[in-house]
Full PDB file with SEQRES, HELIX, SHEET, SSBOND, CRYST1, ORIGX, SCALE, CONECT and MASTER records, all heavy atoms in Angstrom:
SEQRES   1 A   31  LEU ARG SER GLU ILE GLY MET VAL PHE GLN GLN PHE HIS          
SEQRES   2 A   31  LEU CYS PRO HIS ARG THR VAL LEU GLU ASN ILE THR MET          
SEQRES   3 A   31  GLY PRO ILE GLU VAL                                          
HELIX    1 AA1 ARG A    2  GLU A    4  5                                   3    
HELIX    2 AA2 VAL A   20  GLU A   30  1                                  11    
CRYST1    1.000    1.000    1.000  90.00  90.00  90.00 P 1           1          
ORIGX1      1.000000  0.000000  0.000000        0.00000                         
ORIGX2      0.000000  1.000000  0.000000        0.00000                         
ORIGX3      0.000000  0.000000  1.000000        0.00000                         
SCALE1      1.000000  0.000000  0.000000        0.00000                         
SCALE2      0.000000  1.000000  0.000000        0.00000                         
SCALE3      0.000000  0.000000  1.000000        0.00000                         
ATOM      1  N   LEU A   1     -34.993  54.287  99.351  1.00  0.00           N  
ATOM      2  CA  LEU A   1     -34.003  54.997  98.539  1.00  0.00           C  
ATOM      3  C   LEU A   1     -34.246  54.780  97.058  1.00  0.00           C  
ATOM      4  O   LEU A   1     -34.108  55.702  96.243  1.00  0.00           O  
ATOM      5  CB  LEU A   1     -32.591  54.536  98.909  1.00  0.00           C  
ATOM      6  CG  LEU A   1     -31.988  55.124 100.185  1.00  0.00           C  
ATOM      7  CD1 LEU A   1     -30.667  54.458 100.502  1.00  0.00           C  
ATOM      8  CD2 LEU A   1     -31.792  56.623 100.043  1.00  0.00           C  
ATOM      9  N   ARG A   2     -34.630  53.553  96.690  1.00  0.00           N  
ATOM     10  CA  ARG A   2     -34.848  53.252  95.280  1.00  0.00           C  
ATOM     11  C   ARG A   2     -35.991  54.085  94.709  1.00  0.00           C  
ATOM     12  O   ARG A   2     -36.003  54.390  93.513  1.00  0.00           O  
ATOM     13  CB  ARG A   2     -35.126  51.759  95.113  1.00  0.00           C  
ATOM     14  CG  ARG A   2     -35.006  51.273  93.675  1.00  0.00           C  
ATOM     15  CD  ARG A   2     -35.257  49.782  93.595  1.00  0.00           C  
ATOM     16  NE  ARG A   2     -34.188  49.021  94.202  1.00  0.00           N  
ATOM     17  CZ  ARG A   2     -34.315  47.773  94.642  1.00  0.00           C  
ATOM     18  NH1 ARG A   2     -35.477  47.171  94.566  1.00  0.00           N  
ATOM     19  NH2 ARG A   2     -33.278  47.135  95.168  1.00  0.00           N  
ATOM     20  N   SER A   3     -36.959  54.473  95.544  1.00  0.00           N  
ATOM     21  CA  SER A   3     -38.060  55.301  95.056  1.00  0.00           C  
ATOM     22  C   SER A   3     -37.584  56.699  94.682  1.00  0.00           C  
ATOM     23  O   SER A   3     -38.295  57.434  93.987  1.00  0.00           O  
ATOM     24  CB  SER A   3     -39.167  55.395  96.114  1.00  0.00           C  
ATOM     25  OG  SER A   3     -38.755  56.189  97.215  1.00  0.00           O  
ATOM     26  N   GLU A   4     -36.390  57.087  95.140  1.00  0.00           N  
ATOM     27  CA  GLU A   4     -35.831  58.398  94.810  1.00  0.00           C  
ATOM     28  C   GLU A   4     -34.850  58.330  93.641  1.00  0.00           C  
ATOM     29  O   GLU A   4     -34.275  59.333  93.241  1.00  0.00           O  
ATOM     30  CB  GLU A   4     -35.123  58.990  96.041  1.00  0.00           C  
ATOM     31  CG  GLU A   4     -36.048  59.197  97.230  1.00  0.00           C  
ATOM     32  CD  GLU A   4     -35.305  59.733  98.440  1.00  0.00           C  
ATOM     33  OE1 GLU A   4     -34.159  60.188  98.292  1.00  0.00           O  
ATOM     34  OE2 GLU A   4     -35.880  59.706  99.540  1.00  0.00           O  
ATOM     35  N   ILE A   5     -34.643  57.110  93.114  1.00  0.00           N  
ATOM     36  CA  ILE A   5     -33.719  56.910  91.992  1.00  0.00           C  
ATOM     37  C   ILE A   5     -34.489  56.226  90.867  1.00  0.00           C  
ATOM     38  O   ILE A   5     -34.837  55.050  90.963  1.00  0.00           O  
ATOM     39  CB  ILE A   5     -32.510  56.041  92.410  1.00  0.00           C  
ATOM     40  CG1 ILE A   5     -31.768  56.679  93.592  1.00  0.00           C  
ATOM     41  CG2 ILE A   5     -31.568  55.847  91.234  1.00  0.00           C  
ATOM     42  CD1 ILE A   5     -30.636  55.813  94.151  1.00  0.00           C  
ATOM     43  N   GLY A   6     -34.786  56.970  89.820  1.00  0.00           N  
ATOM     44  CA  GLY A   6     -35.490  56.392  88.680  1.00  0.00           C  
ATOM     45  C   GLY A   6     -34.524  55.637  87.791  1.00  0.00           C  
ATOM     46  O   GLY A   6     -33.363  56.018  87.654  1.00  0.00           O  
ATOM     47  N   MET A   7     -35.004  54.554  87.174  1.00  0.00           N  
ATOM     48  CA  MET A   7     -34.137  53.789  86.285  1.00  0.00           C  
ATOM     49  C   MET A   7     -34.899  53.383  85.031  1.00  0.00           C  
ATOM     50  O   MET A   7     -36.036  52.904  85.109  1.00  0.00           O  
ATOM     51  CB  MET A   7     -33.578  52.549  86.974  1.00  0.00           C  
ATOM     52  CG  MET A   7     -32.524  51.824  86.141  1.00  0.00           C  
ATOM     53  SD  MET A   7     -31.436  50.793  87.153  1.00  0.00           S  
ATOM     54  CE  MET A   7     -30.299  50.175  85.907  1.00  0.00           C  
ATOM     55  N   VAL A   8     -34.254  53.584  83.886  1.00  0.00           N  
ATOM     56  CA  VAL A   8     -34.810  53.198  82.595  1.00  0.00           C  
ATOM     57  C   VAL A   8     -33.866  52.176  81.981  1.00  0.00           C  
ATOM     58  O   VAL A   8     -32.667  52.430  81.834  1.00  0.00           O  
ATOM     59  CB  VAL A   8     -34.959  54.425  81.672  1.00  0.00           C  
ATOM     60  CG1 VAL A   8     -35.490  54.000  80.306  1.00  0.00           C  
ATOM     61  CG2 VAL A   8     -35.894  55.454  82.310  1.00  0.00           C  
ATOM     62  N   PHE A   9     -34.412  51.017  81.628  1.00  0.00           N  
ATOM     63  CA  PHE A   9     -33.614  49.884  81.179  1.00  0.00           C  
ATOM     64  C   PHE A   9     -33.579  49.803  79.650  1.00  0.00           C  
ATOM     65  O   PHE A   9     -34.285  50.521  78.949  1.00  0.00           O  
ATOM     66  CB  PHE A   9     -34.187  48.580  81.732  1.00  0.00           C  
ATOM     67  CG  PHE A   9     -34.230  48.497  83.227  1.00  0.00           C  
ATOM     68  CD1 PHE A   9     -35.311  49.004  83.935  1.00  0.00           C  
ATOM     69  CD2 PHE A   9     -33.189  47.916  83.938  1.00  0.00           C  
ATOM     70  CE1 PHE A   9     -35.353  48.927  85.320  1.00  0.00           C  
ATOM     71  CE2 PHE A   9     -33.222  47.830  85.324  1.00  0.00           C  
ATOM     72  CZ  PHE A   9     -34.305  48.338  86.014  1.00  0.00           C  
ATOM     73  N   GLN A  10     -32.775  48.862  79.140  1.00  0.00           N  
ATOM     74  CA  GLN A  10     -32.753  48.598  77.703  1.00  0.00           C  
ATOM     75  C   GLN A  10     -34.137  48.152  77.233  1.00  0.00           C  
ATOM     76  O   GLN A  10     -34.649  48.638  76.234  1.00  0.00           O  
ATOM     77  CB  GLN A  10     -31.730  47.511  77.379  1.00  0.00           C  
ATOM     78  CG  GLN A  10     -30.297  47.886  77.695  1.00  0.00           C  
ATOM     79  CD  GLN A  10     -29.344  46.732  77.399  1.00  0.00           C  
ATOM     80  OE1 GLN A  10     -29.589  45.940  76.503  1.00  0.00           O  
ATOM     81  NE2 GLN A  10     -28.257  46.648  78.134  1.00  0.00           N  
ATOM     82  N   GLN A  11     -34.712  47.198  77.942  1.00  0.00           N  
ATOM     83  CA  GLN A  11     -36.071  46.756  77.665  1.00  0.00           C  
ATOM     84  C   GLN A  11     -37.031  47.588  78.506  1.00  0.00           C  
ATOM     85  O   GLN A  11     -36.661  48.108  79.549  1.00  0.00           O  
ATOM     86  CB  GLN A  11     -36.218  45.262  77.963  1.00  0.00           C  
ATOM     87  CG  GLN A  11     -35.251  44.384  77.193  1.00  0.00           C  
ATOM     88  CD  GLN A  11     -35.462  44.460  75.683  1.00  0.00           C  
ATOM     89  OE1 GLN A  11     -36.575  44.668  75.217  1.00  0.00           O  
ATOM     90  NE2 GLN A  11     -34.378  44.294  74.920  1.00  0.00           N  
ATOM     91  N   PHE A  12     -38.276  47.689  78.074  1.00  0.00           N  
ATOM     92  CA  PHE A  12     -39.163  48.694  78.647  1.00  0.00           C  
ATOM     93  C   PHE A  12     -39.804  48.254  79.960  1.00  0.00           C  
ATOM     94  O   PHE A  12     -40.141  49.079  80.804  1.00  0.00           O  
ATOM     95  CB  PHE A  12     -40.242  49.055  77.617  1.00  0.00           C  
ATOM     96  CG  PHE A  12     -39.702  49.124  76.208  1.00  0.00           C  
ATOM     97  CD1 PHE A  12     -40.212  48.308  75.205  1.00  0.00           C  
ATOM     98  CD2 PHE A  12     -38.642  49.963  75.896  1.00  0.00           C  
ATOM     99  CE1 PHE A  12     -39.701  48.356  73.914  1.00  0.00           C  
ATOM    100  CE2 PHE A  12     -38.119  50.013  74.608  1.00  0.00           C  
ATOM    101  CZ  PHE A  12     -38.645  49.207  73.618  1.00  0.00           C  
ATOM    102  N   HIS A  13     -40.009  46.937  80.124  1.00  0.00           N  
ATOM    103  CA  HIS A  13     -40.565  46.378  81.363  1.00  0.00           C  
ATOM    104  C   HIS A  13     -41.904  47.012  81.739  1.00  0.00           C  
ATOM    105  O   HIS A  13     -42.166  47.275  82.921  1.00  0.00           O  
ATOM    106  CB  HIS A  13     -39.567  46.528  82.518  1.00  0.00           C  
ATOM    107  CG  HIS A  13     -38.282  45.788  82.326  1.00  0.00           C  
ATOM    108  ND1 HIS A  13     -38.222  44.439  82.065  1.00  0.00           N  
ATOM    109  CD2 HIS A  13     -36.988  46.215  82.343  1.00  0.00           C  
ATOM    110  CE1 HIS A  13     -36.962  44.059  81.930  1.00  0.00           C  
ATOM    111  NE2 HIS A  13     -36.192  45.125  82.084  1.00  0.00           N  
ATOM    112  N   LEU A  14     -42.747  47.278  80.742  1.00  0.00           N  
ATOM    113  CA  LEU A  14     -44.087  47.781  81.017  1.00  0.00           C  
ATOM    114  C   LEU A  14     -45.025  46.602  81.274  1.00  0.00           C  
ATOM    115  O   LEU A  14     -44.838  45.515  80.730  1.00  0.00           O  
ATOM    116  CB  LEU A  14     -44.605  48.599  79.829  1.00  0.00           C  
ATOM    117  CG  LEU A  14     -43.782  49.824  79.444  1.00  0.00           C  
ATOM    118  CD1 LEU A  14     -44.371  50.481  78.200  1.00  0.00           C  
ATOM    119  CD2 LEU A  14     -43.687  50.819  80.594  1.00  0.00           C  
ATOM    120  N   CYS A  15     -46.032  46.814  82.094  1.00  0.00           N  
ATOM    121  CA  CYS A  15     -47.017  45.769  82.356  1.00  0.00           C  
ATOM    122  C   CYS A  15     -47.966  45.696  81.161  1.00  0.00           C  
ATOM    123  O   CYS A  15     -48.705  46.654  80.897  1.00  0.00           O  
ATOM    124  CB  CYS A  15     -47.799  46.088  83.624  1.00  0.00           C  
ATOM    125  SG  CYS A  15     -46.792  46.057  85.112  1.00  0.00           S  
ATOM    126  N   PRO A  16     -47.986  44.582  80.435  1.00  0.00           N  
ATOM    127  CA  PRO A  16     -48.718  44.520  79.164  1.00  0.00           C  
ATOM    128  C   PRO A  16     -50.231  44.633  79.307  1.00  0.00           C  
ATOM    129  O   PRO A  16     -50.910  45.071  78.374  1.00  0.00           O  
ATOM    130  CB  PRO A  16     -48.316  43.154  78.595  1.00  0.00           C  
ATOM    131  CG  PRO A  16     -47.902  42.346  79.777  1.00  0.00           C  
ATOM    132  CD  PRO A  16     -47.283  43.319  80.732  1.00  0.00           C  
ATOM    133  N   HIS A  17     -50.779  44.239  80.459  1.00  0.00           N  
ATOM    134  CA  HIS A  17     -52.227  44.219  80.622  1.00  0.00           C  
ATOM    135  C   HIS A  17     -52.760  45.503  81.258  1.00  0.00           C  
ATOM    136  O   HIS A  17     -53.971  45.607  81.499  1.00  0.00           O  
ATOM    137  CB  HIS A  17     -52.654  42.999  81.450  1.00  0.00           C  
ATOM    138  CG  HIS A  17     -52.184  41.701  80.869  1.00  0.00           C  
ATOM    139  ND1 HIS A  17     -52.551  41.293  79.596  1.00  0.00           N  
ATOM    140  CD2 HIS A  17     -51.362  40.734  81.346  1.00  0.00           C  
ATOM    141  CE1 HIS A  17     -51.997  40.126  79.329  1.00  0.00           C  
ATOM    142  NE2 HIS A  17     -51.261  39.767  80.371  1.00  0.00           N  
ATOM    143  N   ARG A  18     -51.875  46.450  81.503  1.00  0.00           N  
ATOM    144  CA  ARG A  18     -52.287  47.758  82.041  1.00  0.00           C  
ATOM    145  C   ARG A  18     -52.158  48.810  80.955  1.00  0.00           C  
ATOM    146  O   ARG A  18     -51.292  48.717  80.091  1.00  0.00           O  
ATOM    147  CB  ARG A  18     -51.432  48.144  83.255  1.00  0.00           C  
ATOM    148  CG  ARG A  18     -51.650  47.258  84.474  1.00  0.00           C  
ATOM    149  CD  ARG A  18     -50.737  47.698  85.601  1.00  0.00           C  
ATOM    150  NE  ARG A  18     -50.874  46.862  86.785  1.00  0.00           N  
ATOM    151  CZ  ARG A  18     -51.469  47.261  87.920  1.00  0.00           C  
ATOM    152  NH1 ARG A  18     -51.982  48.469  87.993  1.00  0.00           N  
ATOM    153  NH2 ARG A  18     -51.539  46.453  88.964  1.00  0.00           N  
ATOM    154  N   THR A  19     -52.994  49.821  81.034  1.00  0.00           N  
ATOM    155  CA  THR A  19     -52.885  50.923  80.091  1.00  0.00           C  
ATOM    156  C   THR A  19     -51.624  51.732  80.378  1.00  0.00           C  
ATOM    157  O   THR A  19     -50.986  51.575  81.433  1.00  0.00           O  
ATOM    158  CB  THR A  19     -54.093  51.856  80.177  1.00  0.00           C  
ATOM    159  OG1 THR A  19     -54.084  52.507  81.455  1.00  0.00           O  
ATOM    160  CG2 THR A  19     -55.396  51.101  79.976  1.00  0.00           C  
ATOM    161  N   VAL A  20     -51.285  52.610  79.454  1.00  0.00           N  
ATOM    162  CA  VAL A  20     -50.148  53.509  79.658  1.00  0.00           C  
ATOM    163  C   VAL A  20     -50.334  54.300  80.943  1.00  0.00           C  
ATOM    164  O   VAL A  20     -49.412  54.412  81.765  1.00  0.00           O  
ATOM    165  CB  VAL A  20     -50.000  54.454  78.443  1.00  0.00           C  
ATOM    166  CG1 VAL A  20     -49.090  55.635  78.765  1.00  0.00           C  
ATOM    167  CG2 VAL A  20     -49.460  53.683  77.241  1.00  0.00           C  
ATOM    168  N   LEU A  21     -51.529  54.869  81.149  1.00  0.00           N  
ATOM    169  CA  LEU A  21     -51.791  55.654  82.352  1.00  0.00           C  
ATOM    170  C   LEU A  21     -51.616  54.803  83.604  1.00  0.00           C  
ATOM    171  O   LEU A  21     -51.011  55.247  84.593  1.00  0.00           O  
ATOM    172  CB  LEU A  21     -53.197  56.240  82.295  1.00  0.00           C  
ATOM    173  CG  LEU A  21     -53.465  57.370  83.297  1.00  0.00           C  
ATOM    174  CD1 LEU A  21     -52.742  58.645  82.876  1.00  0.00           C  
ATOM    175  CD2 LEU A  21     -54.965  57.641  83.412  1.00  0.00           C  
ATOM    176  N   GLU A  22     -52.107  53.578  83.574  1.00  0.00           N  
ATOM    177  CA  GLU A  22     -51.991  52.692  84.736  1.00  0.00           C  
ATOM    178  C   GLU A  22     -50.537  52.314  84.996  1.00  0.00           C  
ATOM    179  O   GLU A  22     -50.123  52.197  86.168  1.00  0.00           O  
ATOM    180  CB  GLU A  22     -52.837  51.444  84.520  1.00  0.00           C  
ATOM    181  CG  GLU A  22     -54.331  51.713  84.585  1.00  0.00           C  
ATOM    182  CD  GLU A  22     -55.173  50.543  84.096  1.00  0.00           C  
ATOM    183  OE1 GLU A  22     -54.627  49.654  83.390  1.00  0.00           O  
ATOM    184  OE2 GLU A  22     -56.376  50.508  84.407  1.00  0.00           O  
ATOM    185  N   ASN A  23     -49.752  52.106  83.945  1.00  0.00           N  
ATOM    186  CA  ASN A  23     -48.329  51.820  84.128  1.00  0.00           C  
ATOM    187  C   ASN A  23     -47.624  52.956  84.848  1.00  0.00           C  
ATOM    188  O   ASN A  23     -46.761  52.728  85.702  1.00  0.00           O  
ATOM    189  CB  ASN A  23     -47.671  51.577  82.762  1.00  0.00           C  
ATOM    190  CG  ASN A  23     -47.639  50.117  82.361  1.00  0.00           C  
ATOM    191  OD1 ASN A  23     -46.756  49.363  82.761  1.00  0.00           O  
ATOM    192  ND2 ASN A  23     -48.626  49.702  81.565  1.00  0.00           N  
ATOM    193  N   ILE A  24     -47.977  54.182  84.505  1.00  0.00           N  
ATOM    194  CA  ILE A  24     -47.295  55.342  85.085  1.00  0.00           C  
ATOM    195  C   ILE A  24     -47.755  55.624  86.516  1.00  0.00           C  
ATOM    196  O   ILE A  24     -46.959  56.022  87.365  1.00  0.00           O  
ATOM    197  CB  ILE A  24     -47.511  56.584  84.192  1.00  0.00           C  
ATOM    198  CG1 ILE A  24     -46.887  56.348  82.814  1.00  0.00           C  
ATOM    199  CG2 ILE A  24     -46.919  57.840  84.829  1.00  0.00           C  
ATOM    200  CD1 ILE A  24     -47.216  57.421  81.798  1.00  0.00           C  
ATOM    201  N   THR A  25     -49.039  55.384  86.793  1.00  0.00           N  
ATOM    202  CA  THR A  25     -49.570  55.712  88.119  1.00  0.00           C  
ATOM    203  C   THR A  25     -49.345  54.615  89.155  1.00  0.00           C  
ATOM    204  O   THR A  25     -49.472  54.854  90.357  1.00  0.00           O  
ATOM    205  CB  THR A  25     -51.079  55.998  88.048  1.00  0.00           C  
ATOM    206  OG1 THR A  25     -51.765  54.845  87.524  1.00  0.00           O  
ATOM    207  CG2 THR A  25     -51.362  57.203  87.155  1.00  0.00           C  
ATOM    208  N   MET A  26     -48.991  53.424  88.708  1.00  0.00           N  
ATOM    209  CA  MET A  26     -48.873  52.275  89.617  1.00  0.00           C  
ATOM    210  C   MET A  26     -47.895  52.549  90.754  1.00  0.00           C  
ATOM    211  O   MET A  26     -48.197  52.310  91.928  1.00  0.00           O  
ATOM    212  CB  MET A  26     -48.448  51.042  88.817  1.00  0.00           C  
ATOM    213  CG  MET A  26     -48.399  49.752  89.622  1.00  0.00           C  
ATOM    214  SD  MET A  26     -48.223  48.306  88.528  1.00  0.00           S  
ATOM    215  CE  MET A  26     -46.892  48.812  87.440  1.00  0.00           C  
ATOM    216  N   GLY A  27     -46.690  53.054  90.436  1.00  0.00           N  
ATOM    217  CA  GLY A  27     -45.691  53.306  91.477  1.00  0.00           C  
ATOM    218  C   GLY A  27     -46.128  54.349  92.492  1.00  0.00           C  
ATOM    219  O   GLY A  27     -46.097  54.091  93.711  1.00  0.00           O  
ATOM    220  N   PRO A  28     -46.521  55.545  92.040  1.00  0.00           N  
ATOM    221  CA  PRO A  28     -46.960  56.558  92.999  1.00  0.00           C  
ATOM    222  C   PRO A  28     -48.114  56.097  93.888  1.00  0.00           C  
ATOM    223  O   PRO A  28     -48.129  56.389  95.093  1.00  0.00           O  
ATOM    224  CB  PRO A  28     -47.387  57.721  92.096  1.00  0.00           C  
ATOM    225  CG  PRO A  28     -46.549  57.563  90.878  1.00  0.00           C  
ATOM    226  CD  PRO A  28     -46.421  56.087  90.668  1.00  0.00           C  
ATOM    227  N   ILE A  29     -49.078  55.365  93.313  1.00  0.00           N  
ATOM    228  CA  ILE A  29     -50.231  54.924  94.101  1.00  0.00           C  
ATOM    229  C   ILE A  29     -49.834  53.840  95.096  1.00  0.00           C  
ATOM    230  O   ILE A  29     -50.178  53.905  96.286  1.00  0.00           O  
ATOM    231  CB  ILE A  29     -51.350  54.412  93.168  1.00  0.00           C  
ATOM    232  CG1 ILE A  29     -51.945  55.574  92.371  1.00  0.00           C  
ATOM    233  CG2 ILE A  29     -52.447  53.711  93.976  1.00  0.00           C  
ATOM    234  CD1 ILE A  29     -52.892  55.135  91.265  1.00  0.00           C  
ATOM    235  N   GLU A  30     -49.088  52.831  94.631  1.00  0.00           N  
ATOM    236  CA  GLU A  30     -48.804  51.671  95.472  1.00  0.00           C  
ATOM    237  C   GLU A  30     -47.625  51.870  96.411  1.00  0.00           C  
ATOM    238  O   GLU A  30     -47.602  51.305  97.498  1.00  0.00           O  
ATOM    239  CB  GLU A  30     -48.570  50.440  94.583  1.00  0.00           C  
ATOM    240  CG  GLU A  30     -49.796  50.044  93.768  1.00  0.00           C  
ATOM    241  CD  GLU A  30     -49.567  48.814  92.908  1.00  0.00           C  
ATOM    242  OE1 GLU A  30     -48.479  48.211  93.006  1.00  0.00           O  
ATOM    243  OE2 GLU A  30     -50.475  48.460  92.132  1.00  0.00           O  
ATOM    244  N   VAL A  31     -46.640  52.669  95.994  1.00  0.00           N  
ATOM    245  CA  VAL A  31     -45.443  52.849  96.808  1.00  0.00           C  
ATOM    246  C   VAL A  31     -45.499  54.124  97.643  1.00  0.00           C  
ATOM    247  O   VAL A  31     -45.115  54.130  98.816  1.00  0.00           O  
ATOM    248  CB  VAL A  31     -44.177  52.861  95.914  1.00  0.00           C  
ATOM    249  CG1 VAL A  31     -42.925  53.106  96.748  1.00  0.00           C  
ATOM    250  CG2 VAL A  31     -44.054  51.553  95.140  1.00  0.00           C  
TER     251      VAL A  31                                                      
MASTER        0    0    0    2    0    0    0    6  250    1    0    3          
END                                                                             
């Protein structure tokens, strides 16, 4: 269910060692 509900927080919670593209593709690829 959580995969159908997107959430954007106060802090960005991006993975610092991944590129922008990798941050965005991580969920669709892994989940």
